[in-house]
Amino acid sequence: MNYSQFKTPQGQMFILFDDSFVHGVYFDGQKYLPDFRQHQELNHHPVLERARQQLQAYFSGESDGFDFPLAVRGTPFQQAVWQALSEIPCGETCTYMAVALKVGNPKGVRAVAQAIGHNPWSVVIPCHRVIGSSGKLTGYAGGIDRKAWLLKREGADIPL
């Protein structure tokens, strides 16, 4: 496995990838950050270039979508939650309860929150678009300030 890092307006980001897929996109300092010392730093590769270009376009406001290949590995429940996150339109938010209902587990809000917190594709699978039922920003492995910045960047209506 390889990794590379680059600067964003919200700090360093790391991309974990192999010859075919991106395995993770992480902010420096976020929860559940892998130990990159176990991987080789590589700064030029077609998979990396495609991911980095699209992430830079996102942060500069030129694009809101991503289409580079993700290695989606997780439990079936995690995969269902991450798929539900992928369906939240840019500039919109939804609640943890709405995600729980979407995946057919209305009593599983905490399990949904845990799956969201372990999402390894920050920004790409938009866990930052999930807010508390009160409408307030809650929980984000990359930090609440980053979550607020990302939502503002996307034009979402968020509480001040």
Protein backbone atom coordinates (compact mmCIF):
# COMPACT_ATOMS: atom_id res chain seq x y z
CA MET A 1 0.00 0.00 0.00
CA ASN A 2 1.15 3.54 -0.76
CA TYR A 3 0.34 6.95 0.59
CA SER A 4 0.87 10.56 -0.32
CA GLN A 5 0.04 13.82 1.38
CA PHE A 6 -0.85 17.27 0.13
CA LYS A 7 -1.97 20.62 1.51
CA THR A 8 -5.59 21.76 1.55
CA PRO A 9 -7.22 24.88 2.99
CA GLN A 10 -8.08 22.65 5.97
CA GLY A 11 -4.60 21.24 6.55
CA GLN A 12 -2.68 18.25 5.31
CA MET A 13 -4.57 15.37 3.71
CA PHE A 14 -3.32 11.86 3.21
CA ILE A 15 -4.37 9.53 0.41
CA LEU A 16 -3.88 5.79 0.95
CA PHE A 17 -3.88 3.84 -2.32
CA ASP A 18 -2.68 0.83 -4.26
CA ASP A 19 -2.28 0.24 -7.99
CA SER A 20 -6.04 0.24 -8.58
CA PHE A 21 -7.94 1.88 -5.73
CA VAL A 22 -7.97 4.62 -3.12
CA HIS A 23 -8.31 3.00 0.29
CA GLY A 24 -8.66 6.16 2.31
CA VAL A 25 -8.57 9.97 2.35
CA TYR A 26 -7.75 11.45 5.73
CA PHE A 27 -7.17 14.82 7.33
CA ASP A 28 -4.03 15.05 9.43
CA GLY A 29 -4.96 14.55 13.07
CA GLN A 30 -8.38 13.03 12.48
CA LYS A 31 -9.65 10.11 14.55
CA TYR A 32 -8.81 6.65 13.25
CA LEU A 33 -5.88 7.94 11.19
CA PRO A 34 -3.87 4.92 10.00
CA ASP A 35 -0.20 4.53 10.83
CA PHE A 36 1.31 5.58 7.52
CA ARG A 37 4.76 4.34 8.58
CA GLN A 38 3.50 0.88 7.59
CA HIS A 39 3.16 2.08 4.00
CA GLN A 40 5.41 3.46 1.30
CA GLU A 41 5.27 7.14 0.46
CA LEU A 42 4.75 7.52 -3.27
CA ASN A 43 4.00 10.88 -4.85
CA HIS A 44 3.44 9.92 -8.48
CA HIS A 45 0.96 7.29 -9.60
CA PRO A 46 -2.10 7.45 -11.89
CA VAL A 47 -4.54 6.49 -9.11
CA LEU A 48 -3.02 9.11 -6.82
CA GLU A 49 -2.95 11.81 -9.50
CA ARG A 50 -6.61 11.32 -10.32
CA ALA A 51 -7.65 11.44 -6.64
CA ARG A 52 -5.44 14.41 -5.78
CA GLN A 53 -6.63 16.39 -8.83
CA GLN A 54 -10.29 15.85 -7.92
CA LEU A 55 -9.72 16.71 -4.25
CA GLN A 56 -7.89 19.90 -5.21
CA ALA A 57 -10.77 20.81 -7.55
CA TYR A 58 -13.19 20.25 -4.66
CA PHE A 59 -11.25 22.44 -2.25
CA SER A 60 -10.87 25.21 -4.82
CA GLY A 61 -14.63 25.18 -5.48
CA GLU A 62 -14.26 24.01 -9.09
CA SER A 63 -16.02 20.68 -8.55
CA ASP A 64 -18.29 18.93 -6.09
CA GLY A 65 -18.00 15.34 -7.29
CA PHE A 66 -15.52 12.49 -7.18
CA ASP A 67 -15.22 9.51 -9.48
CA PHE A 68 -11.92 7.91 -8.64
CA PRO A 69 -12.02 4.21 -7.68
CA LEU A 70 -12.57 3.43 -4.00
CA ALA A 71 -11.74 0.14 -2.30
CA VAL A 72 -14.90 -0.02 -0.20
CA ARG A 73 -14.20 -2.55 2.51
CA GLY A 74 -16.22 -2.86 5.66
CA THR A 75 -19.08 -4.78 7.16
CA PRO A 76 -22.29 -4.93 5.13
CA PHE A 77 -23.80 -2.44 7.61
CA GLN A 78 -20.89 0.00 7.21
CA GLN A 79 -21.12 -0.30 3.44
CA ALA A 80 -24.86 0.45 3.56
CA VAL A 81 -24.23 3.53 5.71
CA TRP A 82 -21.42 4.76 3.45
CA GLN A 83 -23.64 4.25 0.41
CA ALA A 84 -26.37 6.30 2.09
CA LEU A 85 -23.84 9.07 2.77
CA SER A 86 -22.85 9.05 -0.90
CA GLU A 87 -26.44 9.86 -1.81
CA ILE A 88 -26.61 13.09 0.23
CA PRO A 89 -26.41 15.90 -2.35
CA CYS A 90 -23.69 18.50 -2.09
CA GLY A 91 -24.92 21.54 -0.19
CA GLU A 92 -27.50 19.54 1.76
CA THR A 93 -27.46 17.87 5.15
CA CYS A 94 -29.39 15.11 6.85
CA THR A 95 -29.56 13.68 10.34
CA TYR A 96 -28.11 10.52 11.79
CA MET A 97 -31.69 9.32 12.24
CA ALA A 98 -32.41 9.87 8.55
CA VAL A 99 -29.39 7.73 7.67
CA ALA A 100 -30.52 5.06 10.14
CA LEU A 101 -33.97 5.01 8.51
CA LYS A 102 -32.42 4.87 5.03
CA VAL A 103 -30.40 1.77 5.94
CA GLY A 104 -33.43 0.13 7.55
CA ASN A 105 -32.26 0.37 11.16
CA PRO A 106 -34.33 3.07 12.91
CA LYS A 107 -33.08 1.97 16.34
CA GLY A 108 -29.47 1.94 15.21
CA VAL A 109 -28.60 5.64 15.33
CA ARG A 110 -25.52 4.98 17.48
CA ALA A 111 -24.36 2.21 15.17
CA VAL A 112 -24.87 4.56 12.22
CA ALA A 113 -22.83 7.25 13.98
CA GLN A 114 -20.06 4.75 14.61
CA ALA A 115 -20.01 3.64 10.97
CA ILE A 116 -19.96 7.27 9.87
CA GLY A 117 -17.07 8.00 12.23
CA HIS A 118 -15.07 5.15 10.73
CA ASN A 119 -15.62 6.31 7.15
CA PRO A 120 -12.10 6.25 5.66
CA TRP A 121 -12.88 8.64 2.78
CA SER A 122 -13.17 12.11 4.30
CA VAL A 123 -14.93 14.55 1.97
CA VAL A 124 -15.27 11.90 -0.79
CA ILE A 125 -17.97 9.93 1.05
CA PRO A 126 -19.53 12.99 2.67
CA CYS A 127 -19.91 12.14 6.34
CA HIS A 128 -19.59 15.88 7.05
CA ARG A 129 -23.13 16.32 5.67
CA VAL A 130 -24.68 14.47 8.62
CA ILE A 131 -25.85 16.65 11.50
CA GLY A 132 -27.65 16.15 14.80
CA SER A 133 -31.44 15.96 15.00
CA SER A 134 -31.41 19.42 16.61
CA GLY A 135 -29.83 20.80 13.44
CA LYS A 136 -26.51 21.39 15.18
CA LEU A 137 -23.13 20.20 13.98
CA THR A 138 -22.14 17.13 15.94
CA GLY A 139 -19.35 14.62 15.60
CA TYR A 140 -16.81 14.62 12.83
CA ALA A 141 -13.61 12.57 12.91
CA GLY A 142 -11.80 15.46 11.24
CA GLY A 143 -13.05 18.01 13.79
CA ILE A 144 -16.15 20.20 14.04
CA ASP A 145 -14.36 23.26 12.65
CA ARG A 146 -13.49 21.34 9.48
CA LYS A 147 -17.04 20.05 9.24
CA ALA A 148 -18.38 23.60 9.42
CA TRP A 149 -15.86 24.78 6.81
CA LEU A 150 -16.77 21.95 4.41
CA LEU A 151 -20.50 22.61 4.76
CA LYS A 152 -20.00 26.35 4.21
CA ARG A 153 -17.79 25.62 1.19
CA GLU A 154 -20.67 23.53 -0.23
CA GLY A 155 -23.24 26.24 0.48
CA ALA A 156 -25.17 24.26 3.08
CA ASP A 157 -27.44 26.13 5.44
CA ILE A 158 -25.84 25.51 8.82
CA PRO A 159 -26.33 27.10 12.25
CA LEU A 160 -23.82 29.80 13.19
